[in-house]
Protein backbone atom coordinates (compact mmCIF):
# COMPACT_ATOMS: atom_id res chain seq x y z
CA MET A 1 -104.52 173.19 -63.33
CA TYR A 2 -104.39 174.68 -59.82
CA ALA A 3 -107.07 177.24 -60.69
CA GLU A 4 -109.31 174.54 -62.14
CA GLU A 5 -109.04 172.45 -59.00
CA GLU A 6 -109.87 175.46 -56.82
CA LYS A 7 -112.92 176.17 -58.97
CA SER A 8 -114.21 172.63 -58.63
CA LEU A 9 -113.59 172.59 -54.85
CA ARG A 10 -115.10 176.06 -54.29
CA TYR A 11 -112.51 177.06 -51.66
CA ASN A 12 -108.88 178.09 -51.55
CA ILE A 13 -106.53 175.12 -51.36
CA SER A 14 -103.92 177.12 -49.45
CA ASP A 15 -106.51 177.74 -46.72
CA TYR A 16 -106.95 173.99 -46.42
CA TYR A 17 -103.20 173.50 -46.12
CA MET A 18 -103.01 176.08 -43.32
CA PHE A 19 -105.98 174.46 -41.57
CA ASN A 20 -104.33 171.06 -41.91
CA LYS A 21 -101.05 172.37 -40.56
CA HIS A 22 -102.60 173.94 -37.46
CA LYS A 23 -105.16 171.21 -36.81
CA TYR A 24 -103.17 168.03 -37.46
CA GLN A 25 -99.45 168.52 -38.04
CA LEU A 26 -98.39 170.86 -35.21
CA PRO A 27 -100.31 169.00 -32.47
CA LEU A 28 -98.65 165.79 -33.66
CA VAL A 29 -95.23 167.26 -32.85
CA TYR A 30 -96.39 168.32 -29.39
CA ARG A 31 -97.99 164.94 -28.70
CA THR A 32 -94.79 163.19 -29.77
CA LEU A 33 -92.75 165.34 -27.41
CA VAL A 34 -95.18 164.68 -24.56
CA TRP A 35 -94.91 160.93 -25.14
CA GLU A 36 -91.11 161.15 -25.15
CA VAL A 37 -91.09 163.09 -21.88
CA LEU A 38 -93.54 160.60 -20.38
CA ALA A 39 -91.28 157.71 -21.43
CA VAL A 40 -88.23 159.33 -19.83
CA ILE A 41 -90.09 160.06 -16.59
CA SER A 42 -91.46 156.50 -16.49
CA GLY A 43 -87.96 155.13 -17.03
CA ILE A 44 -86.58 157.23 -14.21
CA VAL A 45 -89.37 156.18 -11.87
CA CYS A 46 -89.01 152.49 -12.78
CA PHE A 47 -85.26 152.71 -12.19
CA TYR A 48 -84.94 154.76 -9.01
CA ILE A 49 -87.86 153.51 -6.91
CA PRO A 50 -86.78 149.83 -6.78
CA PHE A 51 -83.15 150.80 -6.18
CA GLY A 52 -84.28 153.13 -3.42
CA VAL A 53 -86.38 150.38 -1.85
CA TYR A 54 -83.69 147.71 -2.03
CA ASN A 55 -80.87 150.18 -1.33
CA TYR A 56 -78.29 147.69 -2.62
CA GLY A 57 -79.49 145.24 0.01
CA VAL A 58 -80.79 142.17 -1.81
CA ALA A 59 -79.83 139.14 0.24
CA ASN A 60 -78.94 135.73 -1.15
CA SER A 61 -79.66 132.35 0.44
CA SER A 62 -76.74 132.66 2.88
CA GLY A 63 -77.88 136.08 4.12
CA ARG A 64 -75.20 138.13 2.41
CA THR A 65 -76.08 141.07 0.25
CA GLU A 66 -75.63 140.73 -3.46
CA ASP A 67 -74.36 143.11 -6.13
CA LEU A 68 -76.08 145.64 -8.37
CA PHE A 69 -77.17 142.99 -10.88
CA SER A 70 -79.23 141.21 -8.23
CA THR A 71 -80.95 144.45 -7.33
CA TYR A 72 -81.77 144.96 -10.99
CA PHE A 73 -83.03 141.37 -11.30
CA ALA A 74 -85.20 141.68 -8.19
CA SER A 75 -86.68 144.99 -9.36
CA TYR A 76 -87.33 143.63 -12.83
């Protein structure tokens, strides 16, 4: 059955599998890793920049500084 399919296609099926692996499957793994690294970096940036700006100094209506939750709420 395999030989008949190769005859009708006029090329080696294993060559197509190798082409598919190198052209589509391996780059997908690399792209997935790049997206995961980008998500981690974005999370770090979105976390540390607002906390660096506020520096635990979000003031309430009476002028006193609030806790960490208020800093999170203000940065969100």
